[in-house]
Amino acid sequence: MIVFKKLLAISLAGIILASCSGTKVSDSWSSQEYKGKINNVYIIGIAKNDLNRMMFENNFIRRLTEEGVKSTPSYPDLPRGMEAEKDSIIRMMRANNADSVLLTRVTGEETKATFTSGTRGATQYSFAPGGYSGAQANERLGLPYYVNWHSYYSAGYRAVPAQQSVTKFVVLYVESVLYDLQTEELIWSARMETGLESDLEGMMKKFVDQAVKELKAKGFI
């Protein structure tokens, strides 16, 4: 029975971690005036870690290509680990004949926790309905732990719940925005929450899949 409870606790922890590792859209907006579709997107991941930026942009390229949309990563064009000049970015976007630009950045992070109650290590006794006092419960219901002070002490001590287990996880808050390069106006934005995972590329794929799903739902692709 103890082994079963331990296995159950491990399984629950796995479910909790899995449930925290997905991506969800917390807020989304799209322009009601823009009626077209994007055909050639310039992808800019705003990050100081060049490897993460490259993986992120490549994941967007992969998913947009699957949807039949041409896209270009910015990491081969723009300087690494630093902000590029506006004119340089415009020059690169024009060189690639981009009609839109998609920018994404992490806006914050938060450590959250889930709690699971431990098991109890003693026979369970239920309090009777109606709010009986100790003496009444002992007399009318024969509850064994009211027989004397030691039986109450012993039963109470053995029935103390085990310490709760705590599972901590990090949630990243990410924002993606899409601009039409002809008017330079914002045409789509979305704020998303995604669980930080040790498999960064797998995490990025989940985020990008959700972002592309949103773009498709809004009619941009």
N, C-alpha and C. Protein backbone atom coordinates (compact mmCIF):
# COMPACT_ATOMS: atom_id res chain seq x y z
N MET A 1 0.83 -1.20 0.00
CA MET A 1 0.00 0.00 0.00
C MET A 1 0.87 1.25 0.00
N ILE A 2 1.93 1.22 0.80
CA ILE A 2 2.84 2.37 0.87
C ILE A 2 3.51 2.60 -0.49
N VAL A 3 3.94 1.49 -1.13
CA VAL A 3 4.58 1.59 -2.44
C VAL A 3 3.62 2.19 -3.45
N PHE A 4 2.35 1.72 -3.39
CA PHE A 4 1.33 2.24 -4.30
C PHE A 4 1.16 3.74 -4.12
N LYS A 5 1.12 4.20 -2.86
CA LYS A 5 0.94 5.63 -2.59
C LYS A 5 2.11 6.44 -3.11
N LYS A 6 3.32 5.88 -2.98
CA LYS A 6 4.51 6.58 -3.48
C LYS A 6 4.45 6.69 -5.00
N LEU A 7 4.05 5.59 -5.66
CA LEU A 7 3.94 5.61 -7.12
C LEU A 7 2.87 6.59 -7.58
N LEU A 8 1.77 6.64 -6.81
CA LEU A 8 0.70 7.58 -7.13
C LEU A 8 1.19 9.01 -7.02
N ALA A 9 1.95 9.29 -5.95
CA ALA A 9 2.48 10.65 -5.76
C ALA A 9 3.41 11.03 -6.90
N ILE A 10 4.25 10.08 -7.35
CA ILE A 10 5.16 10.35 -8.47
C ILE A 10 4.37 10.63 -9.74
N SER A 11 3.31 9.84 -9.97
CA SER A 11 2.48 10.04 -11.15
C SER A 11 1.81 11.40 -11.13
N LEU A 12 1.30 11.79 -9.97
CA LEU A 12 0.65 13.10 -9.86
C LEU A 12 1.64 14.22 -10.13
N ALA A 13 2.86 14.07 -9.62
CA ALA A 13 3.88 15.10 -9.85
C ALA A 13 4.16 15.23 -11.34
N GLY A 14 4.19 14.09 -12.06
CA GLY A 14 4.40 14.13 -13.50
C GLY A 14 3.28 14.84 -14.22
N ILE A 15 2.04 14.60 -13.78
CA ILE A 15 0.89 15.27 -14.38
C ILE A 15 0.96 16.77 -14.14
N ILE A 16 1.35 17.16 -12.91
CA ILE A 16 1.45 18.58 -12.58
C ILE A 16 2.49 19.26 -13.46
N LEU A 17 3.66 18.62 -13.59
CA LEU A 17 4.71 19.20 -14.41
C LEU A 17 4.27 19.32 -15.86
N ALA A 18 3.57 18.29 -16.36
CA ALA A 18 3.11 18.32 -17.74
C ALA A 18 2.10 19.45 -17.94
N SER A 19 1.22 19.63 -16.95
CA SER A 19 0.19 20.66 -17.08
C SER A 19 0.77 22.06 -17.02
N CYS A 20 1.95 22.21 -16.41
CA CYS A 20 2.57 23.53 -16.29
C CYS A 20 3.50 23.85 -17.45
N SER A 21 3.74 22.87 -18.33
CA SER A 21 4.73 23.06 -19.37
C SER A 21 4.13 23.52 -20.69
N GLY A 22 2.80 23.71 -20.79
CA GLY A 22 2.17 24.13 -22.02
C GLY A 22 2.22 25.64 -22.20
N THR A 23 1.64 26.08 -23.32
CA THR A 23 1.56 27.50 -23.63
C THR A 23 0.11 27.89 -23.78
N LYS A 24 -0.28 28.98 -23.17
CA LYS A 24 -1.66 29.47 -23.32
C LYS A 24 -1.64 30.95 -23.63
N VAL A 25 -2.65 31.40 -24.38
CA VAL A 25 -2.79 32.80 -24.74
C VAL A 25 -3.57 33.50 -23.64
N SER A 26 -2.98 34.52 -23.05
CA SER A 26 -3.66 35.26 -21.99
C SER A 26 -4.38 36.50 -22.53
N ASP A 27 -3.91 37.00 -23.68
CA ASP A 27 -4.54 38.19 -24.26
C ASP A 27 -4.16 38.26 -25.74
N SER A 28 -5.13 38.63 -26.58
CA SER A 28 -4.86 38.71 -28.02
C SER A 28 -5.66 39.85 -28.63
N TRP A 29 -5.06 40.55 -29.60
CA TRP A 29 -5.71 41.66 -30.29
C TRP A 29 -5.33 41.63 -31.75
N SER A 30 -6.25 42.05 -32.61
CA SER A 30 -5.95 42.17 -34.04
C SER A 30 -6.66 43.38 -34.62
N SER A 31 -6.06 44.00 -35.61
CA SER A 31 -6.62 45.18 -36.25
C SER A 31 -7.87 44.81 -37.05
N GLN A 32 -8.92 45.59 -36.88
CA GLN A 32 -10.14 45.38 -37.65
C GLN A 32 -10.04 46.02 -39.03
N GLU A 33 -9.08 46.90 -39.22
CA GLU A 33 -8.92 47.61 -40.48
C GLU A 33 -8.08 46.83 -41.49
N TYR A 34 -7.14 46.04 -40.97
CA TYR A 34 -6.26 45.29 -41.87
C TYR A 34 -7.01 44.07 -42.40
N LYS A 35 -7.11 43.96 -43.73
CA LYS A 35 -7.89 42.89 -44.34
C LYS A 35 -7.05 41.88 -45.11
N GLY A 36 -5.78 42.16 -45.29
CA GLY A 36 -4.95 41.28 -46.11
C GLY A 36 -4.34 40.13 -45.34
N LYS A 37 -3.47 39.40 -46.04
CA LYS A 37 -2.71 38.32 -45.43
C LYS A 37 -1.23 38.64 -45.55
N ILE A 38 -0.44 38.10 -44.64
CA ILE A 38 1.00 38.33 -44.70
C ILE A 38 1.62 37.27 -45.61
N ASN A 39 2.59 37.70 -46.43
CA ASN A 39 3.20 36.79 -47.40
C ASN A 39 4.69 36.59 -47.19
N ASN A 40 5.34 37.59 -46.59
CA ASN A 40 6.79 37.51 -46.41
C ASN A 40 7.15 38.22 -45.10
N VAL A 41 7.40 37.44 -44.08
CA VAL A 41 7.56 37.99 -42.73
C VAL A 41 9.04 38.02 -42.32
N TYR A 42 9.45 39.14 -41.76
CA TYR A 42 10.79 39.24 -41.19
C TYR A 42 10.67 38.94 -39.70
N ILE A 43 11.40 37.93 -39.23
CA ILE A 43 11.28 37.45 -37.85
C ILE A 43 12.39 38.03 -36.98
N ILE A 44 12.00 38.70 -35.90
CA ILE A 44 12.99 39.24 -34.96
C ILE A 44 12.69 38.72 -33.55
N GLY A 45 13.57 37.91 -33.03
CA GLY A 45 13.50 37.50 -31.63
C GLY A 45 14.36 38.44 -30.81
N ILE A 46 13.77 39.12 -29.87
CA ILE A 46 14.52 40.09 -29.05
C ILE A 46 15.09 39.36 -27.84
N ALA A 47 16.36 39.01 -27.91
CA ALA A 47 17.01 38.26 -26.83
C ALA A 47 18.51 38.50 -26.90
N LYS A 48 19.14 38.52 -25.74
CA LYS A 48 20.59 38.72 -25.70
C LYS A 48 21.36 37.41 -25.84
N ASN A 49 20.65 36.29 -25.64
CA ASN A 49 21.27 34.98 -25.83
C ASN A 49 21.12 34.61 -27.31
N ASP A 50 22.23 34.61 -28.04
CA ASP A 50 22.17 34.41 -29.49
C ASP A 50 21.68 33.02 -29.88
N LEU A 51 22.05 31.99 -29.10
CA LEU A 51 21.61 30.63 -29.43
C LEU A 51 20.10 30.51 -29.27
N ASN A 52 19.57 31.06 -28.18
CA ASN A 52 18.12 31.02 -27.97
C ASN A 52 17.39 31.78 -29.07
N ARG A 53 17.94 32.92 -29.42
CA ARG A 53 17.34 33.73 -30.49
C ARG A 53 17.31 32.96 -31.80
N MET A 54 18.40 32.29 -32.14
CA MET A 54 18.48 31.54 -33.38
C MET A 54 17.48 30.37 -33.38
N MET A 55 17.40 29.62 -32.26
CA MET A 55 16.46 28.51 -32.17
C MET A 55 15.03 29.00 -32.31
N PHE A 56 14.73 30.12 -31.64
CA PHE A 56 13.39 30.66 -31.68
C PHE A 56 13.00 31.07 -33.10
N GLU A 57 13.86 31.83 -33.76
CA GLU A 57 13.55 32.30 -35.11
C GLU A 57 13.44 31.14 -36.09
N ASN A 58 14.30 30.16 -35.95
CA ASN A 58 14.24 28.98 -36.84
C ASN A 58 12.94 28.21 -36.65
N ASN A 59 12.44 28.14 -35.43
CA ASN A 59 11.17 27.47 -35.19
C ASN A 59 10.02 28.22 -35.86
N PHE A 60 10.07 29.54 -35.84
CA PHE A 60 9.05 30.30 -36.54
C PHE A 60 9.14 30.09 -38.05
N ILE A 61 10.35 30.07 -38.58
CA ILE A 61 10.54 29.83 -40.01
C ILE A 61 9.93 28.49 -40.40
N ARG A 62 10.21 27.48 -39.60
CA ARG A 62 9.70 26.12 -39.87
C ARG A 62 8.18 26.10 -39.92
N ARG A 63 7.53 26.68 -38.91
CA ARG A 63 6.07 26.62 -38.83
C ARG A 63 5.41 27.47 -39.91
N LEU A 64 5.96 28.65 -40.19
CA LEU A 64 5.37 29.49 -41.23
C LEU A 64 5.54 28.86 -42.60
N THR A 65 6.67 28.21 -42.82
CA THR A 65 6.89 27.50 -44.09
C THR A 65 5.85 26.40 -44.27
N GLU A 66 5.53 25.70 -43.18
CA GLU A 66 4.52 24.65 -43.24
C GLU A 66 3.15 25.22 -43.61
N GLU A 67 2.92 26.49 -43.29
CA GLU A 67 1.66 27.15 -43.60
C GLU A 67 1.70 27.85 -44.96
N GLY A 68 2.83 27.70 -45.66
CA GLY A 68 2.94 28.30 -46.98
C GLY A 68 3.30 29.77 -46.97
N VAL A 69 3.85 30.26 -45.86
CA VAL A 69 4.21 31.67 -45.73
C VAL A 69 5.74 31.80 -45.74
N LYS A 70 6.24 32.66 -46.61
CA LYS A 70 7.67 32.90 -46.64
C LYS A 70 8.08 33.75 -45.45
N SER A 71 9.23 33.44 -44.87
CA SER A 71 9.72 34.22 -43.72
C SER A 71 11.24 34.20 -43.71
N THR A 72 11.79 35.21 -43.06
CA THR A 72 13.25 35.36 -43.02
C THR A 72 13.70 35.62 -41.59
N PRO A 73 14.71 34.89 -41.11
CA PRO A 73 15.22 35.15 -39.76
C PRO A 73 16.12 36.37 -39.76
N SER A 74 16.16 37.07 -38.64
CA SER A 74 16.99 38.28 -38.56
C SER A 74 18.39 38.00 -38.03
N TYR A 75 18.59 36.80 -37.40
CA TYR A 75 19.88 36.60 -36.73
C TYR A 75 21.09 36.61 -37.67
N PRO A 76 20.96 36.22 -38.98
CA PRO A 76 22.15 36.35 -39.83
C PRO A 76 22.46 37.80 -40.20
N ASP A 77 21.45 38.68 -40.09
CA ASP A 77 21.62 40.06 -40.56
C ASP A 77 21.99 41.04 -39.46
N LEU A 78 21.38 40.88 -38.29
CA LEU A 78 21.52 41.88 -37.23
C LEU A 78 22.64 41.51 -36.27
N PRO A 79 23.26 42.49 -35.61
CA PRO A 79 24.37 42.21 -34.70
C PRO A 79 23.94 41.35 -33.52
N ARG A 80 24.87 40.58 -33.01
CA ARG A 80 24.57 39.66 -31.92
C ARG A 80 24.74 40.34 -30.56
N GLY A 81 23.82 40.05 -29.67
CA GLY A 81 23.93 40.51 -28.29
C GLY A 81 23.81 42.00 -28.09
N MET A 82 23.29 42.70 -29.10
CA MET A 82 23.16 44.15 -28.95
C MET A 82 22.05 44.65 -29.86
N GLU A 83 21.58 45.87 -29.56
CA GLU A 83 20.50 46.46 -30.34
C GLU A 83 21.03 46.97 -31.68
N ALA A 84 20.29 46.69 -32.74
CA ALA A 84 20.67 47.15 -34.07
C ALA A 84 20.08 48.53 -34.35
N GLU A 85 20.72 49.27 -35.23
CA GLU A 85 20.20 50.57 -35.64
C GLU A 85 18.96 50.38 -36.50
N LYS A 86 18.00 51.31 -36.36
CA LYS A 86 16.74 51.22 -37.10
C LYS A 86 16.99 51.16 -38.61
N ASP A 87 17.88 52.00 -39.10
CA ASP A 87 18.15 52.02 -40.55
C ASP A 87 18.69 50.68 -41.04
N SER A 88 19.50 50.03 -40.20
CA SER A 88 20.05 48.73 -40.58
C SER A 88 18.95 47.68 -40.68
N ILE A 89 18.01 47.73 -39.76
CA ILE A 89 16.90 46.77 -39.78
C ILE A 89 16.04 47.00 -41.01
N ILE A 90 15.73 48.28 -41.30
CA ILE A 90 14.91 48.60 -42.48
C ILE A 90 15.60 48.12 -43.75
N ARG A 91 16.90 48.32 -43.83
CA ARG A 91 17.65 47.91 -45.01
C ARG A 91 17.58 46.40 -45.20
N MET A 92 17.70 45.65 -44.11
CA MET A 92 17.63 44.20 -44.21
C MET A 92 16.22 43.72 -44.58
N MET A 93 15.20 44.37 -44.03
CA MET A 93 13.82 43.99 -44.35
C MET A 93 13.52 44.25 -45.82
N ARG A 94 13.99 45.39 -46.33
CA ARG A 94 13.77 45.71 -47.75
C ARG A 94 14.55 44.75 -48.66
N ALA A 95 15.74 44.40 -48.24
CA ALA A 95 16.56 43.48 -49.03
C ALA A 95 15.89 42.11 -49.17
N ASN A 96 15.09 41.75 -48.16
CA ASN A 96 14.40 40.47 -48.18
C ASN A 96 12.95 40.58 -48.66
N ASN A 97 12.58 41.79 -49.15
CA ASN A 97 11.23 42.03 -49.67
C ASN A 97 10.13 41.67 -48.66
N ALA A 98 10.38 41.94 -47.39
CA ALA A 98 9.40 41.62 -46.36
C ALA A 98 8.22 42.58 -46.42
N ASP A 99 7.02 42.05 -46.21
CA ASP A 99 5.84 42.90 -46.14
C ASP A 99 5.35 43.11 -44.71
N SER A 100 5.98 42.40 -43.77
CA SER A 100 5.58 42.49 -42.37
C SER A 100 6.75 42.08 -41.49
N VAL A 101 6.68 42.45 -40.23
CA VAL A 101 7.73 42.07 -39.28
C VAL A 101 7.07 41.56 -38.00
N LEU A 102 7.55 40.43 -37.54
CA LEU A 102 7.05 39.80 -36.31
C LEU A 102 8.14 39.87 -35.26
N LEU A 103 7.85 40.53 -34.14
CA LEU A 103 8.81 40.65 -33.05
C LEU A 103 8.28 39.93 -31.82
N THR A 104 9.18 39.27 -31.09
CA THR A 104 8.78 38.55 -29.88
C THR A 104 9.83 38.76 -28.80
N ARG A 105 9.34 38.94 -27.57
CA ARG A 105 10.26 39.09 -26.45
C ARG A 105 9.62 38.53 -25.18
N VAL A 106 10.48 38.12 -24.25
CA VAL A 106 10.03 37.70 -22.93
C VAL A 106 9.86 38.96 -22.08
N THR A 107 8.65 39.16 -21.54
CA THR A 107 8.38 40.37 -20.77
C THR A 107 8.53 40.17 -19.27
N GLY A 108 8.61 38.92 -18.82
CA GLY A 108 8.77 38.66 -17.40
C GLY A 108 8.69 37.18 -17.09
N GLU A 109 8.92 36.84 -15.85
CA GLU A 109 8.81 35.46 -15.41
C GLU A 109 8.33 35.42 -13.97
N GLU A 110 7.75 34.30 -13.59
CA GLU A 110 7.21 34.15 -12.24
C GLU A 110 7.36 32.71 -11.79
N THR A 111 7.82 32.54 -10.57
CA THR A 111 7.91 31.20 -10.00
C THR A 111 6.60 30.89 -9.27
N LYS A 112 5.98 29.78 -9.67
CA LYS A 112 4.73 29.36 -9.05
C LYS A 112 4.93 28.01 -8.38
N ALA A 113 3.94 27.59 -7.62
CA ALA A 113 4.05 26.31 -6.91
C ALA A 113 2.70 25.63 -6.85
N THR A 114 2.74 24.29 -6.87
CA THR A 114 1.54 23.50 -6.64
C THR A 114 1.80 22.65 -5.40
N PHE A 115 0.75 22.40 -4.64
CA PHE A 115 0.87 21.66 -3.39
C PHE A 115 0.02 20.40 -3.46
N THR A 116 0.59 19.29 -2.98
CA THR A 116 -0.17 18.05 -2.88
C THR A 116 -0.09 17.57 -1.44
N SER A 117 -1.25 17.21 -0.87
CA SER A 117 -1.29 16.77 0.52
C SER A 117 -0.66 15.40 0.66
N GLY A 118 0.00 15.19 1.80
CA GLY A 118 0.60 13.89 2.09
C GLY A 118 -0.45 12.90 2.55
N THR A 119 -0.04 11.66 2.72
CA THR A 119 -0.96 10.62 3.19
C THR A 119 -1.02 10.62 4.71
N ARG A 120 -2.07 10.03 5.26
CA ARG A 120 -2.19 9.90 6.70
C ARG A 120 -1.77 8.50 7.10
N GLY A 121 -1.19 8.40 8.27
CA GLY A 121 -0.61 7.13 8.68
C GLY A 121 -1.37 6.39 9.75
N ALA A 122 -2.66 6.66 9.91
CA ALA A 122 -3.41 5.99 10.96
C ALA A 122 -4.84 5.75 10.52
N THR A 123 -5.54 4.89 11.26
CA THR A 123 -6.95 4.64 10.98
C THR A 123 -7.72 5.94 11.08
N GLN A 124 -8.64 6.16 10.15
CA GLN A 124 -9.38 7.40 10.13
C GLN A 124 -10.66 7.29 10.96
N TYR A 125 -10.93 8.27 11.79
CA TYR A 125 -12.16 8.36 12.55
C TYR A 125 -12.86 9.63 12.12
N SER A 126 -14.16 9.53 11.84
CA SER A 126 -14.90 10.69 11.38
C SER A 126 -15.67 11.31 12.53
N PHE A 127 -15.68 12.65 12.55
CA PHE A 127 -16.51 13.33 13.53
C PHE A 127 -17.96 13.21 13.10
N ALA A 128 -18.83 13.02 14.07
CA ALA A 128 -20.25 12.82 13.77
C ALA A 128 -20.90 14.12 13.38
N PRO A 129 -21.92 14.07 12.54
CA PRO A 129 -22.65 15.28 12.21
C PRO A 129 -23.43 15.78 13.42
N GLY A 130 -23.68 17.04 13.48
CA GLY A 130 -24.48 17.59 14.57
C GLY A 130 -23.66 18.27 15.64
N GLY A 131 -22.33 18.21 15.55
CA GLY A 131 -21.47 18.92 16.48
C GLY A 131 -21.49 18.37 17.89
N TYR A 132 -21.39 17.03 18.05
CA TYR A 132 -21.33 16.43 19.39
C TYR A 132 -20.08 16.87 20.11
N SER A 133 -20.17 17.02 21.40
CA SER A 133 -18.98 17.25 22.22
C SER A 133 -18.25 15.92 22.36
N GLY A 134 -17.03 15.97 22.93
CA GLY A 134 -16.28 14.74 23.11
C GLY A 134 -17.04 13.70 23.91
N ALA A 135 -17.63 14.12 25.02
CA ALA A 135 -18.37 13.18 25.88
C ALA A 135 -19.58 12.61 25.16
N GLN A 136 -20.33 13.45 24.46
CA GLN A 136 -21.50 12.98 23.74
C GLN A 136 -21.12 12.00 22.64
N ALA A 137 -20.01 12.32 21.92
CA ALA A 137 -19.59 11.44 20.84
C ALA A 137 -19.18 10.09 21.39
N ASN A 138 -18.48 10.09 22.51
CA ASN A 138 -18.06 8.84 23.13
C ASN A 138 -19.26 8.02 23.60
N GLU A 139 -20.23 8.68 24.20
CA GLU A 139 -21.39 8.00 24.75
C GLU A 139 -22.33 7.49 23.65
N ARG A 140 -22.61 8.32 22.68
CA ARG A 140 -23.61 7.97 21.69
C ARG A 140 -23.05 7.17 20.52
N LEU A 141 -21.80 7.44 20.16
CA LEU A 141 -21.25 6.81 18.96
C LEU A 141 -20.15 5.80 19.26
N GLY A 142 -19.64 5.81 20.43
CA GLY A 142 -18.59 4.86 20.78
C GLY A 142 -17.28 5.11 20.06
N LEU A 143 -17.01 6.36 19.74
CA LEU A 143 -15.74 6.64 19.07
C LEU A 143 -14.58 6.32 20.00
N PRO A 144 -13.68 5.42 19.57
CA PRO A 144 -12.66 4.89 20.48
C PRO A 144 -11.66 5.90 21.01
N TYR A 145 -11.38 6.98 20.25
CA TYR A 145 -10.33 7.89 20.73
C TYR A 145 -10.82 8.84 21.81
N TYR A 146 -12.11 8.80 22.18
CA TYR A 146 -12.62 9.61 23.29
C TYR A 146 -12.64 8.85 24.61
N VAL A 147 -12.18 7.59 24.61
CA VAL A 147 -12.24 6.77 25.82
C VAL A 147 -11.46 7.41 26.96
N ASN A 148 -10.25 7.84 26.69
CA ASN A 148 -9.45 8.53 27.71
C ASN A 148 -8.48 9.48 27.01
N TRP A 149 -7.80 10.27 27.79
CA TRP A 149 -6.95 11.29 27.20
C TRP A 149 -5.84 10.69 26.36
N HIS A 150 -5.31 9.53 26.79
CA HIS A 150 -4.18 8.96 26.06
C HIS A 150 -4.62 8.39 24.71
N SER A 151 -5.81 7.78 24.69
CA SER A 151 -6.29 7.25 23.41
C SER A 151 -6.53 8.40 22.43
N TYR A 152 -7.03 9.52 22.95
CA TYR A 152 -7.24 10.70 22.09
C TYR A 152 -5.89 11.22 21.59
N TYR A 153 -4.92 11.31 22.50
CA TYR A 153 -3.57 11.78 22.15
C TYR A 153 -2.95 10.86 21.11
N SER A 154 -3.03 9.55 21.35
CA SER A 154 -2.38 8.59 20.48
C SER A 154 -2.99 8.58 19.09
N ALA A 155 -4.34 8.54 19.05
CA ALA A 155 -5.02 8.53 17.75
C ALA A 155 -4.76 9.84 16.99
N GLY A 156 -4.79 10.95 17.72
CA GLY A 156 -4.54 12.23 17.08
C GLY A 156 -3.13 12.35 16.54
N TYR A 157 -2.16 11.85 17.30
CA TYR A 157 -0.78 11.92 16.86
C TYR A 157 -0.55 11.09 15.62
N ARG A 158 -1.12 9.86 15.61
CA ARG A 158 -0.93 8.96 14.47
C ARG A 158 -1.69 9.42 13.23
N ALA A 159 -2.67 10.28 13.42
CA ALA A 159 -3.47 10.74 12.28
C ALA A 159 -3.01 12.08 11.72
N VAL A 160 -1.89 12.62 12.23
CA VAL A 160 -1.39 13.90 11.73
C VAL A 160 -1.00 13.74 10.26
N PRO A 161 -1.49 14.61 9.38
CA PRO A 161 -1.15 14.48 7.96
C PRO A 161 0.35 14.63 7.74
N ALA A 162 0.83 13.90 6.75
CA ALA A 162 2.24 14.05 6.37
C ALA A 162 2.43 15.43 5.74
N GLN A 163 3.65 15.89 5.71
CA GLN A 163 3.95 17.21 5.17
C GLN A 163 3.59 17.28 3.70
N GLN A 164 3.04 18.40 3.27
CA GLN A 164 2.70 18.58 1.87
C GLN A 164 3.95 18.59 1.01
N SER A 165 3.81 18.04 -0.20
CA SER A 165 4.91 18.13 -1.16
C SER A 165 4.67 19.35 -2.04
N VAL A 166 5.74 20.03 -2.40
CA VAL A 166 5.66 21.26 -3.17
C VAL A 166 6.39 21.08 -4.49
N THR A 167 5.71 21.42 -5.58
CA THR A 167 6.33 21.38 -6.90
C THR A 167 6.40 22.81 -7.42
N LYS A 168 7.61 23.30 -7.62
CA LYS A 168 7.78 24.66 -8.12
C LYS A 168 8.08 24.64 -9.61
N PHE A 169 7.60 25.65 -10.31
CA PHE A 169 7.86 25.77 -11.74
C PHE A 169 7.88 27.24 -12.12
N VAL A 170 8.54 27.53 -13.23
CA VAL A 170 8.70 28.91 -13.69
C VAL A 170 7.81 29.14 -14.91
N VAL A 171 7.04 30.22 -14.88
CA VAL A 171 6.21 30.61 -16.00
C VAL A 171 6.83 31.84 -16.66
N LEU A 172 7.02 31.76 -17.97
CA LEU A 172 7.52 32.90 -18.74
C LEU A 172 6.34 33.64 -19.37
N TYR A 173 6.39 34.96 -19.32
CA TYR A 173 5.39 35.78 -19.98
C TYR A 173 6.02 36.34 -21.26
N VAL A 174 5.40 36.01 -22.38
CA VAL A 174 5.99 36.33 -23.69
C VAL A 174 4.98 37.12 -24.52
N GLU A 175 5.50 38.11 -25.24
CA GLU A 175 4.64 38.93 -26.10
C GLU A 175 5.13 38.87 -27.53
N SER A 176 4.21 38.66 -28.47
CA SER A 176 4.51 38.70 -29.90
C SER A 176 3.68 39.80 -30.54
N VAL A 177 4.28 40.57 -31.44
CA VAL A 177 3.58 41.64 -32.15
C VAL A 177 3.90 41.56 -33.63
N LEU A 178 2.91 41.91 -34.45
CA LEU A 178 3.06 41.86 -35.90
C LEU A 178 2.74 43.24 -36.48
N TYR A 179 3.67 43.78 -37.30
CA TYR A 179 3.47 45.08 -37.92
C TYR A 179 3.42 44.94 -39.44
N ASP A 180 2.53 45.73 -40.07
CA ASP A 180 2.49 45.85 -41.52
C ASP A 180 3.56 46.87 -41.92
N LEU A 181 4.48 46.47 -42.78
CA LEU A 181 5.59 47.36 -43.12
C LEU A 181 5.19 48.48 -44.07
N GLN A 182 4.10 48.33 -44.78
CA GLN A 182 3.67 49.40 -45.68
C GLN A 182 3.18 50.61 -44.90
N THR A 183 2.42 50.35 -43.83
CA THR A 183 1.88 51.45 -43.01
C THR A 183 2.63 51.62 -41.70
N GLU A 184 3.44 50.61 -41.35
CA GLU A 184 4.16 50.55 -40.07
C GLU A 184 3.20 50.53 -38.88
N GLU A 185 1.99 50.06 -39.10
CA GLU A 185 1.00 49.98 -38.03
C GLU A 185 0.93 48.58 -37.44
N LEU A 186 0.64 48.54 -36.15
CA LEU A 186 0.45 47.26 -35.47
C LEU A 186 -0.83 46.61 -35.98
N ILE A 187 -0.74 45.34 -36.37
CA ILE A 187 -1.94 44.66 -36.87
C ILE A 187 -2.32 43.43 -36.02
N TRP A 188 -1.41 43.00 -35.16
CA TRP A 188 -1.72 41.85 -34.28
C TRP A 188 -0.77 41.86 -33.10
N SER A 189 -1.30 41.48 -31.94
CA SER A 189 -0.45 41.29 -30.77
C SER A 189 -1.06 40.20 -29.90
N ALA A 190 -0.20 39.50 -29.18
CA ALA A 190 -0.67 38.44 -28.28
C ALA A 190 0.29 38.32 -27.11
N ARG A 191 -0.28 38.14 -25.94
CA ARG A 191 0.50 37.84 -24.74
C ARG A 191 0.25 36.39 -24.37
N MET A 192 1.32 35.68 -24.12
CA MET A 192 1.21 34.26 -23.82
C MET A 192 2.00 33.89 -22.58
N GLU A 193 1.58 32.81 -21.96
CA GLU A 193 2.29 32.25 -20.81
C GLU A 193 2.76 30.86 -21.19
N THR A 194 4.02 30.58 -20.91
CA THR A 194 4.57 29.27 -21.23
C THR A 194 5.44 28.78 -20.09
N GLY A 195 5.35 27.51 -19.78
CA GLY A 195 6.16 26.95 -18.72
C GLY A 195 7.60 26.74 -19.15
N LEU A 196 8.54 27.19 -18.32
CA LEU A 196 9.96 27.01 -18.62
C LEU A 196 10.33 25.55 -18.48
N GLU A 197 10.98 25.00 -19.52
CA GLU A 197 11.36 23.59 -19.52
C GLU A 197 12.87 23.47 -19.71
N SER A 198 13.40 22.32 -19.30
CA SER A 198 14.82 22.06 -19.53
C SER A 198 15.09 21.87 -21.02
N ASP A 199 14.11 21.35 -21.74
CA ASP A 199 14.21 21.21 -23.19
C ASP A 199 13.76 22.53 -23.82
N LEU A 200 14.69 23.46 -24.00
CA LEU A 200 14.34 24.79 -24.48
C LEU A 200 13.75 24.77 -25.88
N GLU A 201 14.33 23.94 -26.75
CA GLU A 201 13.82 23.91 -28.12
C GLU A 201 12.40 23.36 -28.16
N GLY A 202 12.13 22.32 -27.34
CA GLY A 202 10.78 21.77 -27.26
C GLY A 202 9.80 22.81 -26.75
N MET A 203 10.23 23.61 -25.76
CA MET A 203 9.40 24.66 -25.22
C MET A 203 9.12 25.71 -26.28
N MET A 204 10.15 26.08 -27.06
CA MET A 204 9.96 27.08 -28.10
C MET A 204 9.01 26.59 -29.18
N LYS A 205 9.08 25.31 -29.51
CA LYS A 205 8.17 24.75 -30.51
C LYS A 205 6.73 24.87 -30.07
N LYS A 206 6.47 24.61 -28.78
CA LYS A 206 5.11 24.73 -28.26
C LYS A 206 4.62 26.17 -28.36
N PHE A 207 5.51 27.10 -28.01
CA PHE A 207 5.13 28.52 -28.07
C PHE A 207 4.85 28.94 -29.50
N VAL A 208 5.76 28.60 -30.41
CA VAL A 208 5.61 29.00 -31.81
C VAL A 208 4.35 28.38 -32.41
N ASP A 209 4.10 27.12 -32.09
CA ASP A 209 2.88 26.47 -32.59
C ASP A 209 1.64 27.23 -32.17
N GLN A 210 1.63 27.68 -30.91
CA GLN A 210 0.47 28.42 -30.40
C GLN A 210 0.35 29.78 -31.07
N ALA A 211 1.48 30.45 -31.28
CA ALA A 211 1.47 31.77 -31.92
C ALA A 211 0.98 31.67 -33.36
N VAL A 212 1.46 30.68 -34.09
CA VAL A 212 1.03 30.49 -35.49
C VAL A 212 -0.45 30.10 -35.55
N LYS A 213 -0.88 29.32 -34.59
CA LYS A 213 -2.30 28.97 -34.51
C LYS A 213 -3.15 30.23 -34.34
N GLU A 214 -2.68 31.17 -33.52
CA GLU A 214 -3.39 32.43 -33.31
C GLU A 214 -3.41 33.26 -34.60
N LEU A 215 -2.28 33.35 -35.29
CA LEU A 215 -2.21 34.10 -36.55
C LEU A 215 -3.17 33.52 -37.59
N LYS A 216 -3.25 32.20 -37.60
CA LYS A 216 -4.14 31.54 -38.56
C LYS A 216 -5.61 31.80 -38.19
N ALA A 217 -5.90 31.75 -36.90
CA ALA A 217 -7.28 31.98 -36.45
C ALA A 217 -7.73 33.41 -36.77
N LYS A 218 -6.79 34.36 -36.73
CA LYS A 218 -7.13 35.76 -37.00
C LYS A 218 -7.16 36.09 -38.50
N GLY A 219 -6.78 35.11 -39.34
CA GLY A 219 -6.86 35.29 -40.78
C GLY A 219 -5.65 35.93 -41.41
N PHE A 220 -4.53 36.01 -40.70
CA PHE A 220 -3.33 36.63 -41.27
C PHE A 220 -2.56 35.68 -42.17
N ILE A 221 -2.74 34.38 -41.96
CA ILE A 221 -2.07 33.38 -42.80
C ILE A 221 -3.08 32.32 -43.24
